[in-house]
Amino acid sequence: MGDRISSGLVHTLLTKVEHLTLALEKASIAEYIELYRKPKRLLFLNFLAGIARGFGLAIGFTVVGAFFLYGLGKLASWNLPVVGEFIAEITRIVQNELARRH
């Protein structure tokens, strides 16, 4: 009976080790370890990722800003009293800042 328990236990342990091995392979742990062994490559990849994030942020802000200004222009064309006053106030502030800097 002791042989059956230990062989069953060994089989269970081997199965769990195989599952753990597959999980580690899926997680690409070896690639992460290799990156930490080569810090120059890690810095280079992080630098490229930072450039991509910055570029994406700039493009995204430009698109959102363009939509906002387009919508603000449409609202201004409707001559709504509250919106018109708001846009006039923004225009006045911008003109004062530009005049003060020149």
N, C-alpha and C. Protein backbone atom coordinates (compact mmCIF):
# COMPACT_ATOMS: atom_id res chain seq x y z
N MET A 1 0.83 -1.19 0.00
CA MET A 1 0.00 0.00 0.00
C MET A 1 0.86 1.24 0.00
N GLY A 2 2.02 1.21 0.69
CA GLY A 2 2.91 2.36 0.73
C GLY A 2 3.47 2.69 -0.63
N ASP A 3 3.71 1.66 -1.48
CA ASP A 3 4.20 1.89 -2.83
C ASP A 3 3.16 2.60 -3.69
N ARG A 4 1.90 2.27 -3.51
CA ARG A 4 0.84 2.90 -4.30
C ARG A 4 0.68 4.35 -3.91
N ILE A 5 0.81 4.67 -2.63
CA ILE A 5 0.68 6.07 -2.20
C ILE A 5 1.86 6.88 -2.72
N SER A 6 3.03 6.34 -2.58
CA SER A 6 4.19 7.10 -3.02
C SER A 6 4.22 7.23 -4.54
N SER A 7 3.81 6.22 -5.29
CA SER A 7 3.80 6.35 -6.74
C SER A 7 2.71 7.32 -7.17
N GLY A 8 1.58 7.31 -6.49
CA GLY A 8 0.52 8.29 -6.77
C GLY A 8 0.98 9.70 -6.44
N LEU A 9 1.70 9.82 -5.33
CA LEU A 9 2.22 11.11 -4.93
C LEU A 9 3.26 11.61 -5.93
N VAL A 10 4.11 10.72 -6.37
CA VAL A 10 5.14 11.08 -7.36
C VAL A 10 4.47 11.50 -8.66
N HIS A 11 3.45 10.77 -9.07
CA HIS A 11 2.73 11.11 -10.30
C HIS A 11 2.09 12.49 -10.19
N THR A 12 1.47 12.77 -9.03
CA THR A 12 0.85 14.08 -8.80
C THR A 12 1.89 15.19 -8.82
N LEU A 13 3.02 14.94 -8.18
CA LEU A 13 4.09 15.94 -8.16
C LEU A 13 4.64 16.19 -9.57
N LEU A 14 4.83 15.13 -10.34
CA LEU A 14 5.32 15.30 -11.71
C LEU A 14 4.32 16.09 -12.56
N THR A 15 3.06 15.82 -12.37
CA THR A 15 2.03 16.56 -13.13
C THR A 15 2.07 18.03 -12.77
N LYS A 16 2.19 18.33 -11.47
CA LYS A 16 2.24 19.72 -11.04
C LYS A 16 3.50 20.42 -11.53
N VAL A 17 4.62 19.72 -11.55
CA VAL A 17 5.86 20.30 -12.06
C VAL A 17 5.73 20.59 -13.55
N GLU A 18 5.08 19.70 -14.30
CA GLU A 18 4.86 19.95 -15.73
C GLU A 18 3.98 21.18 -15.94
N HIS A 19 2.92 21.31 -15.13
CA HIS A 19 2.05 22.48 -15.24
C HIS A 19 2.82 23.76 -14.91
N LEU A 20 3.65 23.69 -13.88
CA LEU A 20 4.46 24.85 -13.49
C LEU A 20 5.45 25.21 -14.60
N THR A 21 6.05 24.23 -15.21
CA THR A 21 6.99 24.47 -16.30
C THR A 21 6.29 25.14 -17.49
N LEU A 22 5.12 24.65 -17.83
CA LEU A 22 4.37 25.25 -18.93
C LEU A 22 3.95 26.68 -18.60
N ALA A 23 3.56 26.92 -17.36
CA ALA A 23 3.17 28.27 -16.95
C ALA A 23 4.36 29.23 -17.02
N LEU A 24 5.53 28.79 -16.60
CA LEU A 24 6.72 29.63 -16.68
C LEU A 24 7.11 29.91 -18.12
N GLU A 25 6.96 28.92 -18.99
CA GLU A 25 7.26 29.14 -20.41
C GLU A 25 6.29 30.13 -21.02
N LYS A 26 5.01 30.04 -20.65
CA LYS A 26 4.03 30.98 -21.17
C LYS A 26 4.31 32.40 -20.67
N ALA A 27 4.81 32.53 -19.46
CA ALA A 27 5.08 33.85 -18.88
C ALA A 27 6.38 34.45 -19.40
N SER A 28 7.14 33.71 -20.17
CA SER A 28 8.41 34.17 -20.74
C SER A 28 9.37 34.68 -19.67
N ILE A 29 9.48 33.95 -18.60
CA ILE A 29 10.38 34.32 -17.51
C ILE A 29 11.82 34.38 -18.00
N ALA A 30 12.19 33.48 -18.90
CA ALA A 30 13.57 33.46 -19.39
C ALA A 30 13.91 34.76 -20.11
N GLU A 31 12.95 35.33 -20.85
CA GLU A 31 13.20 36.59 -21.54
C GLU A 31 13.41 37.74 -20.55
N TYR A 32 12.62 37.75 -19.47
CA TYR A 32 12.80 38.79 -18.45
C TYR A 32 14.16 38.68 -17.77
N ILE A 33 14.56 37.47 -17.48
CA ILE A 33 15.86 37.26 -16.84
C ILE A 33 16.97 37.71 -17.78
N GLU A 34 16.82 37.41 -19.06
CA GLU A 34 17.83 37.83 -20.05
C GLU A 34 17.91 39.35 -20.13
N LEU A 35 16.77 40.04 -20.03
CA LEU A 35 16.79 41.51 -20.04
C LEU A 35 17.54 42.06 -18.84
N TYR A 36 17.36 41.45 -17.69
CA TYR A 36 18.07 41.93 -16.50
C TYR A 36 19.56 41.62 -16.56
N ARG A 37 19.93 40.62 -17.32
CA ARG A 37 21.35 40.33 -17.48
C ARG A 37 22.02 41.29 -18.47
N LYS A 38 21.23 41.92 -19.34
CA LYS A 38 21.74 42.88 -20.32
C LYS A 38 21.06 44.23 -20.09
N PRO A 39 21.57 45.02 -19.14
CA PRO A 39 20.90 46.28 -18.81
C PRO A 39 20.87 47.28 -19.96
N LYS A 40 21.85 47.24 -20.86
CA LYS A 40 21.83 48.16 -22.00
C LYS A 40 20.62 47.90 -22.89
N ARG A 41 20.31 46.64 -23.11
CA ARG A 41 19.13 46.31 -23.92
C ARG A 41 17.85 46.74 -23.21
N LEU A 42 17.80 46.55 -21.90
CA LEU A 42 16.64 46.97 -21.12
C LEU A 42 16.45 48.48 -21.21
N LEU A 43 17.54 49.23 -21.09
CA LEU A 43 17.45 50.69 -21.21
C LEU A 43 17.01 51.10 -22.61
N PHE A 44 17.55 50.44 -23.62
CA PHE A 44 17.17 50.76 -25.00
C PHE A 44 15.69 50.49 -25.24
N LEU A 45 15.19 49.35 -24.78
CA LEU A 45 13.78 49.03 -24.96
C LEU A 45 12.88 50.00 -24.20
N ASN A 46 13.29 50.37 -22.99
CA ASN A 46 12.52 51.35 -22.22
C ASN A 46 12.54 52.72 -22.89
N PHE A 47 13.68 53.08 -23.48
CA PHE A 47 13.78 54.34 -24.20
C PHE A 47 12.82 54.36 -25.39
N LEU A 48 12.81 53.28 -26.17
CA LEU A 48 11.89 53.19 -27.30
C LEU A 48 10.43 53.22 -26.85
N ALA A 49 10.15 52.55 -25.75
CA ALA A 49 8.77 52.56 -25.23
C ALA A 49 8.38 53.97 -24.79
N GLY A 50 9.29 54.71 -24.20
CA GLY A 50 9.02 56.08 -23.79
C GLY A 50 8.76 56.98 -24.98
N ILE A 51 9.55 56.81 -26.04
CA ILE A 51 9.33 57.60 -27.25
C ILE A 51 7.95 57.30 -27.84
N ALA A 52 7.60 56.02 -27.88
CA ALA A 52 6.29 55.63 -28.43
C ALA A 52 5.16 56.20 -27.59
N ARG A 53 5.29 56.15 -26.27
CA ARG A 53 4.25 56.71 -25.40
C ARG A 53 4.14 58.22 -25.59
N GLY A 54 5.27 58.90 -25.67
CA GLY A 54 5.24 60.35 -25.86
C GLY A 54 4.63 60.73 -27.19
N PHE A 55 4.98 60.00 -28.24
CA PHE A 55 4.42 60.26 -29.56
C PHE A 55 2.91 60.01 -29.54
N GLY A 56 2.49 58.93 -28.93
CA GLY A 56 1.06 58.62 -28.83
C GLY A 56 0.31 59.67 -28.03
N LEU A 57 0.92 60.15 -26.97
CA LEU A 57 0.30 61.20 -26.16
C LEU A 57 0.14 62.48 -26.97
N ALA A 58 1.17 62.84 -27.71
CA ALA A 58 1.11 64.07 -28.53
C ALA A 58 0.03 63.95 -29.60
N ILE A 59 -0.01 62.82 -30.29
CA ILE A 59 -1.02 62.63 -31.33
C ILE A 59 -2.42 62.61 -30.71
N GLY A 60 -2.58 61.91 -29.61
CA GLY A 60 -3.88 61.85 -28.95
C GLY A 60 -4.35 63.21 -28.47
N PHE A 61 -3.45 63.97 -27.87
CA PHE A 61 -3.82 65.30 -27.39
C PHE A 61 -4.20 66.21 -28.56
N THR A 62 -3.49 66.09 -29.67
CA THR A 62 -3.79 66.90 -30.85
C THR A 62 -5.18 66.57 -31.39
N VAL A 63 -5.49 65.29 -31.48
CA VAL A 63 -6.80 64.88 -32.01
C VAL A 63 -7.93 65.34 -31.08
N VAL A 64 -7.76 65.10 -29.78
CA VAL A 64 -8.79 65.51 -28.81
C VAL A 64 -8.93 67.03 -28.80
N GLY A 65 -7.82 67.74 -28.84
CA GLY A 65 -7.87 69.20 -28.87
C GLY A 65 -8.56 69.72 -30.11
N ALA A 66 -8.29 69.09 -31.25
CA ALA A 66 -8.94 69.51 -32.50
C ALA A 66 -10.45 69.30 -32.42
N PHE A 67 -10.87 68.16 -31.89
CA PHE A 67 -12.31 67.92 -31.73
C PHE A 67 -12.93 68.94 -30.78
N PHE A 68 -12.22 69.25 -29.70
CA PHE A 68 -12.73 70.22 -28.73
C PHE A 68 -12.87 71.60 -29.38
N LEU A 69 -11.85 72.03 -30.10
CA LEU A 69 -11.92 73.34 -30.75
C LEU A 69 -12.98 73.36 -31.84
N TYR A 70 -13.13 72.26 -32.56
CA TYR A 70 -14.17 72.18 -33.58
C TYR A 70 -15.55 72.31 -32.93
N GLY A 71 -15.76 71.57 -31.86
CA GLY A 71 -17.04 71.65 -31.15
C GLY A 71 -17.28 73.03 -30.56
N LEU A 72 -16.24 73.64 -30.02
CA LEU A 72 -16.36 74.99 -29.47
C LEU A 72 -16.71 75.99 -30.57
N GLY A 73 -16.13 75.82 -31.74
CA GLY A 73 -16.46 76.68 -32.87
C GLY A 73 -17.91 76.51 -33.31
N LYS A 74 -18.39 75.27 -33.30
CA LYS A 74 -19.79 75.02 -33.65
C LYS A 74 -20.73 75.68 -32.63
N LEU A 75 -20.37 75.55 -31.36
CA LEU A 75 -21.19 76.19 -30.32
C LEU A 75 -21.19 77.71 -30.48
N ALA A 76 -20.06 78.26 -30.83
CA ALA A 76 -19.96 79.72 -31.01
C ALA A 76 -20.81 80.17 -32.19
N SER A 77 -20.90 79.33 -33.22
CA SER A 77 -21.68 79.72 -34.40
C SER A 77 -23.18 79.74 -34.12
N TRP A 78 -23.61 79.08 -33.06
CA TRP A 78 -25.04 79.06 -32.71
C TRP A 78 -25.45 80.30 -31.94
N ASN A 79 -24.50 81.14 -31.55
CA ASN A 79 -24.76 82.39 -30.82
C ASN A 79 -25.55 82.17 -29.53
N LEU A 80 -25.20 81.14 -28.79
CA LEU A 80 -25.82 80.94 -27.48
C LEU A 80 -25.24 81.95 -26.51
N PRO A 81 -26.06 82.59 -25.67
CA PRO A 81 -25.55 83.66 -24.81
C PRO A 81 -24.45 83.20 -23.85
N VAL A 82 -24.63 82.08 -23.17
CA VAL A 82 -23.65 81.62 -22.19
C VAL A 82 -22.37 81.19 -22.87
N VAL A 83 -22.50 80.45 -23.96
CA VAL A 83 -21.32 79.96 -24.67
C VAL A 83 -20.58 81.12 -25.32
N GLY A 84 -21.32 82.06 -25.89
CA GLY A 84 -20.68 83.22 -26.52
C GLY A 84 -19.88 84.04 -25.52
N GLU A 85 -20.43 84.23 -24.33
CA GLU A 85 -19.70 84.97 -23.29
C GLU A 85 -18.45 84.22 -22.86
N PHE A 86 -18.57 82.90 -22.75
CA PHE A 86 -17.44 82.07 -22.35
C PHE A 86 -16.31 82.16 -23.38
N ILE A 87 -16.65 82.05 -24.65
CA ILE A 87 -15.64 82.12 -25.72
C ILE A 87 -15.04 83.53 -25.77
N ALA A 88 -15.87 84.56 -25.58
CA ALA A 88 -15.35 85.93 -25.58
C ALA A 88 -14.37 86.13 -24.42
N GLU A 89 -14.66 85.54 -23.27
CA GLU A 89 -13.76 85.64 -22.11
C GLU A 89 -12.43 84.94 -22.39
N ILE A 90 -12.51 83.77 -22.99
CA ILE A 90 -11.28 83.05 -23.34
C ILE A 90 -10.46 83.85 -24.34
N THR A 91 -11.11 84.41 -25.34
CA THR A 91 -10.43 85.22 -26.35
C THR A 91 -9.77 86.43 -25.71
N ARG A 92 -10.47 87.09 -24.79
CA ARG A 92 -9.92 88.26 -24.12
C ARG A 92 -8.69 87.89 -23.29
N ILE A 93 -8.75 86.78 -22.59
CA ILE A 93 -7.61 86.33 -21.77
C ILE A 93 -6.41 86.04 -22.65
N VAL A 94 -6.63 85.34 -23.76
CA VAL A 94 -5.52 85.00 -24.65
C VAL A 94 -4.91 86.26 -25.25
N GLN A 95 -5.75 87.20 -25.67
CA GLN A 95 -5.23 88.44 -26.25
C GLN A 95 -4.45 89.25 -25.22
N ASN A 96 -4.93 89.30 -23.98
CA ASN A 96 -4.19 90.02 -22.92
C ASN A 96 -2.83 89.38 -22.66
N GLU A 97 -2.78 88.05 -22.64
CA GLU A 97 -1.52 87.34 -22.41
C GLU A 97 -0.55 87.59 -23.56
N LEU A 98 -1.05 87.55 -24.78
CA LEU A 98 -0.19 87.78 -25.94
C LEU A 98 0.33 89.22 -25.95
N ALA A 99 -0.51 90.18 -25.61
CA ALA A 99 -0.09 91.58 -25.58
C ALA A 99 0.92 91.83 -24.47
N ARG A 100 0.76 91.16 -23.36
CA ARG A 100 1.67 91.33 -22.22
C ARG A 100 3.06 90.75 -22.52
N ARG A 101 3.12 89.70 -23.30
CA ARG A 101 4.40 89.06 -23.60
C ARG A 101 5.16 89.78 -24.70
N HIS A 102 4.50 90.58 -25.52
CA HIS A 102 5.19 91.27 -26.61
C HIS A 102 5.45 92.68 -26.29
